């Protein structure tokens, strides 16, 4: 029988943030930003997490911290 999982992550600290368009020339940056509407970025984050698992009448809860990375091409809302 399928179970359920609930995950919550809260960013504690942004360790690194980089505009990926900085690696390109001015014309490419202009086209990406204003024609394609891209805003690519790389982020390295330190987050707190909580995980709740439930399956077969049993449940478990864990919490801690994690280091993770995100690459985004549009603004994250």
PDB file of N, CA and C in Angstrom:
ATOM      1  N   UNK A   1       0.848  -1.181   0.000  1.00  0.00           N
ATOM      2  CA  UNK A   1       0.000   0.000   0.000  1.00  0.00           C
ATOM      3  C   UNK A   1       0.890   1.239   0.000  1.00  0.00           C
ATOM      4  N   UNK A   2       0.530   2.233  -0.783  1.00  0.00           N
ATOM      5  CA  UNK A   2       1.356   3.443  -0.845  1.00  0.00           C
ATOM      6  C   UNK A   2       1.310   4.220   0.467  1.00  0.00           C
ATOM      7  N   UNK A   3       2.378   4.900   0.730  1.00  0.00           N
ATOM      8  CA  UNK A   3       2.460   5.719   1.934  1.00  0.00           C
ATOM      9  C   UNK A   3       2.452   7.189   1.580  1.00  0.00           C
ATOM     10  N   UNK A   4       2.739   7.988   2.575  1.00  0.00           N
ATOM     11  CA  UNK A   4       2.789   9.435   2.383  1.00  0.00           C
ATOM     12  C   UNK A   4       4.110   9.966   2.900  1.00  0.00           C
ATOM     13  N   UNK A   5       4.581  11.023   2.261  1.00  0.00           N
ATOM     14  CA  UNK A   5       5.788  11.700   2.715  1.00  0.00           C
ATOM     15  C   UNK A   5       5.532  13.206   2.698  1.00  0.00           C
ATOM     16  N   UNK A   6       5.969  13.871   3.733  1.00  0.00           N
ATOM     17  CA  UNK A   6       5.834  15.322   3.835  1.00  0.00           C
ATOM     18  C   UNK A   6       7.221  15.877   4.149  1.00  0.00           C
ATOM     19  N   UNK A   7       7.715  16.755   3.281  1.00  0.00           N
ATOM     20  CA  UNK A   7       9.053  17.322   3.443  1.00  0.00           C
ATOM     21  C   UNK A   7       8.949  18.837   3.509  1.00  0.00           C
ATOM     22  N   UNK A   8       9.595  19.432   4.497  1.00  0.00           N
ATOM     23  CA  UNK A   8       9.665  20.894   4.615  1.00  0.00           C
ATOM     24  C   UNK A   8      11.135  21.287   4.716  1.00  0.00           C
ATOM     25  N   UNK A   9      11.534  22.258   3.894  1.00  0.00           N
ATOM     26  CA  UNK A   9      12.906  22.770   3.935  1.00  0.00           C
ATOM     27  C   UNK A   9      12.846  24.280   4.103  1.00  0.00           C
ATOM     28  N   UNK A  10      13.627  24.806   5.019  1.00  0.00           N
ATOM     29  CA  UNK A  10      13.707  26.247   5.250  1.00  0.00           C
ATOM     30  C   UNK A  10      15.159  26.683   5.119  1.00  0.00           C
ATOM     31  N   UNK A  11      15.404  27.601   4.195  1.00  0.00           N
ATOM     32  CA  UNK A  11      16.770  28.070   3.956  1.00  0.00           C
ATOM     33  C   UNK A  11      17.251  28.853   5.171  1.00  0.00           C
ATOM     34  N   UNK A  12      18.355  28.414   5.729  1.00  0.00           N
ATOM     35  CA  UNK A  12      18.976  29.096   6.857  1.00  0.00           C
ATOM     36  C   UNK A  12      20.005  30.113   6.361  1.00  0.00           C
ATOM     37  N   UNK A  13      20.756  29.740   5.299  1.00  0.00           N
ATOM     38  CA  UNK A  13      21.819  30.617   4.822  1.00  0.00           C
ATOM     39  C   UNK A  13      22.083  30.355   3.342  1.00  0.00           C
ATOM     40  N   UNK A  14      22.241  31.433   2.566  1.00  0.00           N
ATOM     41  CA  UNK A  14      22.678  31.328   1.176  1.00  0.00           C
ATOM     42  C   UNK A  14      24.203  31.380   1.206  1.00  0.00           C
ATOM     43  N   UNK A  15      24.844  30.276   0.840  1.00  0.00           N
ATOM     44  CA  UNK A  15      26.297  30.188   0.901  1.00  0.00           C
ATOM     45  C   UNK A  15      26.964  30.740  -0.351  1.00  0.00           C
ATOM     46  N   UNK A  16      26.274  30.614  -1.490  1.00  0.00           N
ATOM     47  CA  UNK A  16      26.832  31.100  -2.752  1.00  0.00           C
ATOM     48  C   UNK A  16      25.681  31.411  -3.700  1.00  0.00           C
ATOM     49  N   UNK A  17      25.793  32.510  -4.417  1.00  0.00           N
ATOM     50  CA  UNK A  17      24.803  32.874  -5.438  1.00  0.00           C
ATOM     51  C   UNK A  17      25.566  33.443  -6.624  1.00  0.00           C
ATOM     52  N   UNK A  18      25.278  32.923  -7.812  1.00  0.00           N
ATOM     53  CA  UNK A  18      26.002  33.361  -9.000  1.00  0.00           C
ATOM     54  C   UNK A  18      25.031  33.573 -10.153  1.00  0.00           C
ATOM     55  N   UNK A  19      25.145  34.716 -10.809  1.00  0.00           N
ATOM     56  CA  UNK A  19      24.385  34.998 -12.012  1.00  0.00           C
ATOM     57  C   UNK A  19      25.082  34.271 -13.158  1.00  0.00           C
ATOM     58  N   UNK A  20      24.441  33.274 -13.737  1.00  0.00           N
ATOM     59  CA  UNK A  20      25.069  32.470 -14.777  1.00  0.00           C
ATOM     60  C   UNK A  20      25.267  33.227 -16.081  1.00  0.00           C
ATOM     61  N   UNK A  21      24.610  34.350 -16.259  1.00  0.00           N
ATOM     62  CA  UNK A  21      24.826  35.147 -17.464  1.00  0.00           C
ATOM     63  C   UNK A  21      26.153  35.899 -17.425  1.00  0.00           C
ATOM     64  N   UNK A  22      26.759  36.010 -16.249  1.00  0.00           N
ATOM     65  CA  UNK A  22      28.050  36.690 -16.143  1.00  0.00           C
ATOM     66  C   UNK A  22      29.143  35.979 -16.927  1.00  0.00           C
ATOM     67  N   UNK A  23      28.928  34.722 -17.289  1.00  0.00           N
ATOM     68  CA  UNK A  23      29.917  33.941 -18.038  1.00  0.00           C
ATOM     69  C   UNK A  23      29.856  34.189 -19.542  1.00  0.00           C
ATOM     70  N   UNK A  24      28.936  35.045 -19.999  1.00  0.00           N
ATOM     71  CA  UNK A  24      28.742  35.277 -21.426  1.00  0.00           C
ATOM     72  C   UNK A  24      29.045  36.724 -21.786  1.00  0.00           C
ATOM     73  N   UNK A  25      29.183  36.968 -23.081  1.00  0.00           N
ATOM     74  CA  UNK A  25      29.445  38.312 -23.578  1.00  0.00           C
ATOM     75  C   UNK A  25      28.219  39.204 -23.475  1.00  0.00           C
ATOM     76  N   UNK A  26      28.414  40.518 -23.681  1.00  0.00           N
ATOM     77  CA  UNK A  26      27.323  41.487 -23.516  1.00  0.00           C
ATOM     78  C   UNK A  26      26.118  41.233 -24.426  1.00  0.00           C
ATOM     79  N   UNK A  27      26.349  40.854 -25.680  1.00  0.00           N
ATOM     80  CA  UNK A  27      25.233  40.626 -26.598  1.00  0.00           C
ATOM     81  C   UNK A  27      24.408  39.411 -26.159  1.00  0.00           C
ATOM     82  N   UNK A  28      25.083  38.334 -25.798  1.00  0.00           N
ATOM     83  CA  UNK A  28      24.380  37.135 -25.331  1.00  0.00           C
ATOM     84  C   UNK A  28      23.596  37.427 -24.059  1.00  0.00           C
ATOM     85  N   UNK A  29      24.198  38.183 -23.134  1.00  0.00           N
ATOM     86  CA  UNK A  29      23.495  38.547 -21.890  1.00  0.00           C
ATOM     87  C   UNK A  29      22.250  39.368 -22.200  1.00  0.00           C
ATOM     88  N   UNK A  30      22.372  40.336 -23.115  1.00  0.00           N
ATOM     89  CA  UNK A  30      21.232  41.176 -23.484  1.00  0.00           C
ATOM     90  C   UNK A  30      20.104  40.321 -24.066  1.00  0.00           C
ATOM     91  N   UNK A  31      20.436  39.446 -25.021  1.00  0.00           N
ATOM     92  CA  UNK A  31      19.417  38.599 -25.652  1.00  0.00           C
ATOM     93  C   UNK A  31      18.753  37.673 -24.634  1.00  0.00           C
ATOM     94  N   UNK A  32      19.542  37.086 -23.759  1.00  0.00           N
ATOM     95  CA  UNK A  32      18.982  36.173 -22.757  1.00  0.00           C
ATOM     96  C   UNK A  32      18.049  36.904 -21.799  1.00  0.00           C
ATOM     97  N   UNK A  33      18.460  38.078 -21.346  1.00  0.00           N
ATOM     98  CA  UNK A  33      17.649  38.822 -20.365  1.00  0.00           C
ATOM     99  C   UNK A  33      16.394  39.427 -20.969  1.00  0.00           C
ATOM    100  N   UNK A  34      16.548  40.123 -22.093  1.00  0.00           N
ATOM    101  CA  UNK A  34      15.453  40.954 -22.596  1.00  0.00           C
ATOM    102  C   UNK A  34      14.640  40.325 -23.719  1.00  0.00           C
ATOM    103  N   UNK A  35      15.195  39.377 -24.454  1.00  0.00           N
ATOM    104  CA  UNK A  35      14.441  38.713 -25.513  1.00  0.00           C
ATOM    105  C   UNK A  35      13.871  37.383 -24.999  1.00  0.00           C
ATOM    106  N   UNK A  36      14.727  36.563 -24.402  1.00  0.00           N
ATOM    107  CA  UNK A  36      14.289  35.261 -23.897  1.00  0.00           C
ATOM    108  C   UNK A  36      13.734  35.324 -22.477  1.00  0.00           C
ATOM    109  N   UNK A  37      13.938  36.460 -21.799  1.00  0.00           N
ATOM    110  CA  UNK A  37      13.465  36.681 -20.422  1.00  0.00           C
ATOM    111  C   UNK A  37      14.034  35.646 -19.440  1.00  0.00           C
ATOM    112  N   UNK A  38      15.300  35.272 -19.640  1.00  0.00           N
ATOM    113  CA  UNK A  38      15.962  34.329 -18.744  1.00  0.00           C
ATOM    114  C   UNK A  38      16.713  35.076 -17.658  1.00  0.00           C
ATOM    115  N   UNK A  39      16.731  34.502 -16.474  1.00  0.00           N
ATOM    116  CA  UNK A  39      17.506  35.039 -15.352  1.00  0.00           C
ATOM    117  C   UNK A  39      18.166  33.857 -14.639  1.00  0.00           C
ATOM    118  N   UNK A  40      19.090  33.173 -15.330  1.00  0.00           N
ATOM    119  CA  UNK A  40      19.651  31.957 -14.745  1.00  0.00           C
ATOM    120  C   UNK A  40      20.575  32.243 -13.568  1.00  0.00           C
ATOM    121  N   UNK A  41      20.444  31.426 -12.547  1.00  0.00           N
ATOM    122  CA  UNK A  41      21.288  31.587 -11.371  1.00  0.00           C
ATOM    123  C   UNK A  41      21.616  30.252 -10.736  1.00  0.00           C
ATOM    124  N   UNK A  42      22.753  30.225 -10.048  1.00  0.00           N
ATOM    125  CA  UNK A  42      23.196  29.056  -9.293  1.00  0.00           C
ATOM    126  C   UNK A  42      23.226  29.451  -7.828  1.00  0.00           C
ATOM    127  N   UNK A  43      22.672  28.601  -6.970  1.00  0.00           N
ATOM    128  CA  UNK A  43      22.617  28.891  -5.541  1.00  0.00           C
ATOM    129  C   UNK A  43      23.053  27.665  -4.748  1.00  0.00           C
ATOM    130  N   UNK A  44      23.911  27.882  -3.764  1.00  0.00           N
ATOM    131  CA  UNK A  44      24.286  26.832  -2.809  1.00  0.00           C
ATOM    132  C   UNK A  44      23.724  27.263  -1.465  1.00  0.00           C
ATOM    133  N   UNK A  45      22.915  26.393  -0.864  1.00  0.00           N
ATOM    134  CA  UNK A  45      22.127  26.756   0.305  1.00  0.00           C
ATOM    135  C   UNK A  45      22.352  25.795   1.467  1.00  0.00           C
ATOM    136  N   UNK A  46      22.258  26.321   2.674  1.00  0.00           N
ATOM    137  CA  UNK A  46      22.229  25.513   3.888  1.00  0.00           C
ATOM    138  C   UNK A  46      20.817  25.638   4.446  1.00  0.00           C
ATOM    139  N   UNK A  47      20.122  24.510   4.557  1.00  0.00           N
ATOM    140  CA  UNK A  47      18.717  24.525   4.974  1.00  0.00           C
ATOM    141  C   UNK A  47      18.462  23.555   6.116  1.00  0.00           C
ATOM    142  N   UNK A  48      17.459  23.886   6.926  1.00  0.00           N
ATOM    143  CA  UNK A  48      16.926  22.961   7.919  1.00  0.00           C
ATOM    144  C   UNK A  48      15.805  22.175   7.244  1.00  0.00           C
ATOM    145  N   UNK A  49      15.646  20.902   7.612  1.00  0.00           N
ATOM    146  CA  UNK A  49      14.571  20.112   7.015  1.00  0.00           C
ATOM    147  C   UNK A  49      13.842  19.300   8.072  1.00  0.00           C
ATOM    148  N   UNK A  50      12.593  18.976   7.756  1.00  0.00           N
ATOM    149  CA  UNK A  50      11.779  18.036   8.523  1.00  0.00           C
ATOM    150  C   UNK A  50      11.108  17.099   7.530  1.00  0.00           C
ATOM    151  N   UNK A  51      11.186  15.812   7.799  1.00  0.00           N
ATOM    152  CA  UNK A  51      10.572  14.798   6.939  1.00  0.00           C
ATOM    153  C   UNK A  51       9.656  13.937   7.796  1.00  0.00           C
ATOM    154  N   UNK A  52       8.434  13.742   7.333  1.00  0.00           N
ATOM    155  CA  UNK A  52       7.491  12.837   7.992  1.00  0.00           C
ATOM    156  C   UNK A  52       7.089  11.759   6.992  1.00  0.00           C
ATOM    157  N   UNK A  53       7.228  10.500   7.393  1.00  0.00           N
ATOM    158  CA  UNK A  53       6.860   9.361   6.564  1.00  0.00           C
ATOM    159  C   UNK A  53       5.737   8.593   7.245  1.00  0.00           C
ATOM    160  N   UNK A  54       4.784   8.135   6.455  1.00  0.00           N
ATOM    161  CA  UNK A  54       3.697   7.308   6.987  1.00  0.00           C
ATOM    162  C   UNK A  54       3.389   6.219   5.967  1.00  0.00           C
ATOM    163  N   UNK A  55       3.400   4.974   6.422  1.00  0.00           N
ATOM    164  CA  UNK A  55       3.079   3.846   5.543  1.00  0.00           C
ATOM    165  C   UNK A  55       2.684   2.648   6.398  1.00  0.00           C
ATOM    166  N   UNK A  56       1.655   1.961   5.984  1.00  0.00           N
ATOM    167  CA  UNK A  56       1.249   0.737   6.663  1.00  0.00           C
ATOM    168  C   UNK A  56       0.935   0.911   8.138  1.00  0.00           C
ATOM    169  N   UNK A  57       0.404   2.058   8.519  1.00  0.00           N
ATOM    170  CA  UNK A  57       0.049   2.300   9.909  1.00  0.00           C
ATOM    171  C   UNK A  57       1.202   2.773  10.778  1.00  0.00           C
ATOM    172  N   UNK A  58       2.406   2.784  10.251  1.00  0.00           N
ATOM    173  CA  UNK A  58       3.571   3.265  11.005  1.00  0.00           C
ATOM    174  C   UNK A  58       3.980   4.639  10.481  1.00  0.00           C
ATOM    175  N   UNK A  59       4.605   5.416  11.340  1.00  0.00           N
ATOM    176  CA  UNK A  59       5.077   6.731  10.903  1.00  0.00           C
ATOM    177  C   UNK A  59       6.440   7.014  11.521  1.00  0.00           C
ATOM    178  N   UNK A  60       7.155   7.911  10.881  1.00  0.00           N
ATOM    179  CA  UNK A  60       8.488   8.281  11.340  1.00  0.00           C
ATOM    180  C   UNK A  60       8.721   9.752  11.018  1.00  0.00           C
ATOM    181  N   UNK A  61       9.475  10.406  11.881  1.00  0.00           N
ATOM    182  CA  UNK A  61       9.771  11.825  11.673  1.00  0.00           C
ATOM    183  C   UNK A  61      11.267  12.041  11.884  1.00  0.00           C
ATOM    184  N   UNK A  62      11.897  12.747  10.959  1.00  0.00           N
ATOM    185  CA  UNK A  62      13.327  13.063  11.048  1.00  0.00           C
ATOM    186  C   UNK A  62      13.509  14.552  10.787  1.00  0.00           C
ATOM    187  N   UNK A  63      14.568  15.109  11.347  1.00  0.00           N
ATOM    188  CA  UNK A  63      14.893  16.512  11.082  1.00  0.00           C
ATOM    189  C   UNK A  63      16.400  16.677  11.124  1.00  0.00           C
ATOM    190  N   UNK A  64      16.874  17.753  10.528  1.00  0.00           N
ATOM    191  CA  UNK A  64      18.306  18.018  10.506  1.00  0.00           C
ATOM    192  C   UNK A  64      18.608  19.178   9.590  1.00  0.00           C
ATOM    193  N   UNK A  65      19.834  19.208   9.089  1.00  0.00           N
ATOM    194  CA  UNK A  65      20.189  20.243   8.126  1.00  0.00           C
ATOM    195  C   UNK A  65      20.825  19.594   6.906  1.00  0.00           C
ATOM    196  N   UNK A  66      20.807  20.324   5.800  1.00  0.00           N
ATOM    197  CA  UNK A  66      21.320  19.790   4.547  1.00  0.00           C
ATOM    198  C   UNK A  66      21.944  20.902   3.716  1.00  0.00           C
ATOM    199  N   UNK A  67      22.963  20.548   2.980  1.00  0.00           N
ATOM    200  CA  UNK A  67      23.593  21.439   2.015  1.00  0.00           C
ATOM    201  C   UNK A  67      23.077  21.020   0.646  1.00  0.00           C
ATOM    202  N   UNK A  68      22.518  21.952  -0.112  1.00  0.00           N
ATOM    203  CA  UNK A  68      21.987  21.599  -1.426  1.00  0.00           C
ATOM    204  C   UNK A  68      22.191  22.747  -2.399  1.00  0.00           C
ATOM    205  N   UNK A  69      22.022  22.434  -3.686  1.00  0.00           N
ATOM    206  CA  UNK A  69      22.241  23.400  -4.762  1.00  0.00           C
ATOM    207  C   UNK A  69      20.997  23.480  -5.636  1.00  0.00           C
ATOM    208  N   UNK A  70      20.795  24.657  -6.204  1.00  0.00           N
ATOM    209  CA  UNK A  70      19.681  24.885  -7.125  1.00  0.00           C
ATOM    210  C   UNK A  70      20.211  25.664  -8.321  1.00  0.00           C
ATOM    211  N   UNK A  71      19.802  25.264  -9.517  1.00  0.00           N
ATOM    212  CA  UNK A  71      20.042  26.052 -10.722  1.00  0.00           C
ATOM    213  C   UNK A  71      18.667  26.437 -11.243  1.00  0.00           C
ATOM    214  N   UNK A  72      18.438  27.736 -11.384  1.00  0.00           N
ATOM    215  CA  UNK A  72      17.131  28.236 -11.819  1.00  0.00           C
ATOM    216  C   UNK A  72      17.302  29.104 -13.058  1.00  0.00           C
ATOM    217  N   UNK A  73      16.347  29.019 -13.983  1.00  0.00           N
ATOM    218  CA  UNK A  73      16.400  29.825 -15.195  1.00  0.00           C
ATOM    219  C   UNK A  73      15.383  30.953 -15.184  1.00  0.00           C
ATOM    220  N   UNK A  74      14.457  30.905 -14.267  1.00  0.00           N
ATOM    221  CA  UNK A  74      13.468  31.955 -14.068  1.00  0.00           C
ATOM    222  C   UNK A  74      13.465  32.293 -12.585  1.00  0.00           C
ATOM    223  N   UNK A  75      12.984  33.475 -12.207  1.00  0.00           N
ATOM    224  CA  UNK A  75      12.920  33.809 -10.780  1.00  0.00           C
ATOM    225  C   UNK A  75      12.092  32.778 -10.008  1.00  0.00           C
ATOM    226  N   UNK A  76      12.576  32.417  -8.824  1.00  0.00           N
ATOM    227  CA  UNK A  76      11.863  31.477  -7.959  1.00  0.00           C
ATOM    228  C   UNK A  76      10.956  32.282  -7.038  1.00  0.00           C
ATOM    229  N   UNK A  77       9.677  31.956  -7.078  1.00  0.00           N
ATOM    230  CA  UNK A  77       8.708  32.711  -6.278  1.00  0.00           C
ATOM    231  C   UNK A  77       8.417  31.978  -4.994  1.00  0.00           C
TER     232      UNK A  77
END
